[in-house]
Amino acid sequence: MRRMPLILMAFSVGLNAGLVYFFLNGRTAQEETPPPPPPRELAGETRDAEEALREHLDLMTRDLDLDPAQVTALHDLLKTRLPEMAVLLRRTTEANRRITDAYGEPVLDEAKFREMVRLASASRARADSLSAVMLLAEADILTPAQRTRFAHTAPTIYSHARRDQPPREPR
């Protein structure tokens, strides 16, 4: 029973990572881009973000049978937190790319490599922490039955959408 919060957090991280993937769709890790802007500067991306958010909420509504008040509450929560999550996940992706690039160098500077790993781990930890905050806020919006269904559908919420497969049935 004590593992349930960890399982739910893992599901939420996966779900939020999938949502952020759609939020950032069109950008690849291979592109050379300037450092990500702070969250308040993401306002120019509202159309794409709103589409991704709407798609995500449509999937949650279908899978969890959300009522209109829950949809509104989740929309407000995600619209507030997703820009920050997008920045954190983008920074984590960039940190991981730097690690991969450093590992492929002819001479590996161990101290520098360890520092890169430490920074990437800290970035992942910040994203995981925000994901936990979001998960707890979502838990206040969902009913216990919806949270149970969410725990079973979260791993497939994007994979079944891409493959037009029904979500896994709750146990």
Foldseek 3Di string as FASTA:
>chain_A
DVCVLVLLLVLLLLLLVVLLCQLPPPDDLPDDDDQDDALVVCVVSVVSNVVSLVLSLVLLCVQLVADPVLSVQLSVLCVVQSSNLNNLVSVLSNLVVVLVVLVPDPDHDVVVSVVSVVVSVVSVVVSSVSSSVSSVSNPVSGDPVSSQSSSQQSVCSPVCVVVVHDGDDGD
